[in-house]
Amino acid sequence: MNAIAAIALKTLRLLPRATLLLMLLAAPVLAVPAMRADAGGTIEAPALKKPGLGLVILVSLQRG
């Protein structure tokens, strides 16, 4: 009986740590669908256009 009680006590001591660890691991996975539902979560700056840069590189490579 003492062995069963010792195992049960050890399991009860590990249970809070195991639940905390599982919650920490599951939190990012559960947060992904919430972020996808919110379309305004990210603010992005407009891309800078650099016209003609490819042409300059192409001409400089042909001359070299």
Protein backbone atom coordinates (compact mmCIF):
# COMPACT_ATOMS: atom_id res chain seq x y z
CA MET A 1 0.00 0.00 0.00
CA ASN A 2 2.87 2.36 0.75
CA ALA A 3 4.28 1.89 -2.75
CA ILE A 4 0.96 2.81 -4.34
CA ALA A 5 0.65 5.87 -2.09
CA ALA A 6 4.20 6.94 -2.95
CA ILE A 7 3.53 6.65 -6.68
CA ALA A 8 0.26 8.58 -6.33
CA LEU A 9 1.99 11.32 -4.32
CA LYS A 10 4.80 11.58 -6.86
CA THR A 11 2.26 11.81 -9.69
CA LEU A 12 0.33 14.52 -7.89
CA ARG A 13 3.55 16.50 -7.42
CA LEU A 14 4.41 16.28 -11.13
CA LEU A 15 0.90 17.11 -12.34
CA PRO A 16 1.08 20.93 -11.87
CA ARG A 17 4.46 21.11 -13.62
CA ALA A 18 3.24 18.97 -16.49
CA THR A 19 0.11 21.08 -16.99
CA LEU A 20 2.15 24.30 -16.90
CA LEU A 21 4.59 22.92 -19.45
CA LEU A 22 1.78 21.77 -21.74
CA MET A 23 0.09 25.17 -21.48
CA LEU A 24 3.33 26.95 -22.38
CA LEU A 25 3.83 24.68 -25.38
CA ALA A 26 0.22 24.92 -26.55
CA ALA A 27 -0.16 28.71 -26.20
CA PRO A 28 1.58 29.66 -29.50
CA VAL A 29 -0.27 26.92 -31.40
CA LEU A 30 -3.61 28.12 -30.08
CA ALA A 31 -2.73 31.79 -30.77
CA VAL A 32 -2.12 31.27 -34.51
CA PRO A 33 -5.79 30.99 -35.54
CA ALA A 34 -6.60 34.08 -33.48
CA MET A 35 -3.95 36.11 -35.31
CA ARG A 36 -5.11 34.89 -38.72
CA ALA A 37 -8.66 36.00 -37.96
CA ASP A 38 -7.46 39.54 -37.24
CA ALA A 39 -6.39 41.00 -40.59
CA GLY A 40 -5.22 44.32 -39.11
CA GLY A 41 -2.59 42.82 -36.82
CA THR A 42 0.38 43.92 -38.94
CA ILE A 43 1.15 47.38 -40.24
CA GLU A 44 3.49 47.31 -43.22
CA ALA A 45 5.23 50.18 -44.93
CA PRO A 46 4.85 50.49 -48.68
CA ALA A 47 7.67 48.91 -50.65
CA LEU A 48 10.24 51.29 -52.06
CA LYS A 49 10.42 51.17 -55.82
CA LYS A 50 13.82 51.38 -57.45
CA PRO A 51 13.19 51.58 -61.20
CA GLY A 52 16.13 51.17 -63.49
CA LEU A 53 18.45 49.49 -61.04
CA GLY A 54 18.34 46.20 -62.95
CA LEU A 55 19.17 47.99 -66.18
CA VAL A 56 22.18 49.71 -64.61
CA ILE A 57 23.50 46.41 -63.31
CA LEU A 58 22.93 44.71 -66.66
CA VAL A 59 24.77 47.43 -68.58
CA SER A 60 27.67 47.50 -66.14
CA LEU A 61 28.07 43.71 -66.36
CA GLN A 62 28.12 43.79 -70.16
CA ARG A 63 30.82 46.45 -70.29
CA GLY A 64 33.10 44.64 -67.85
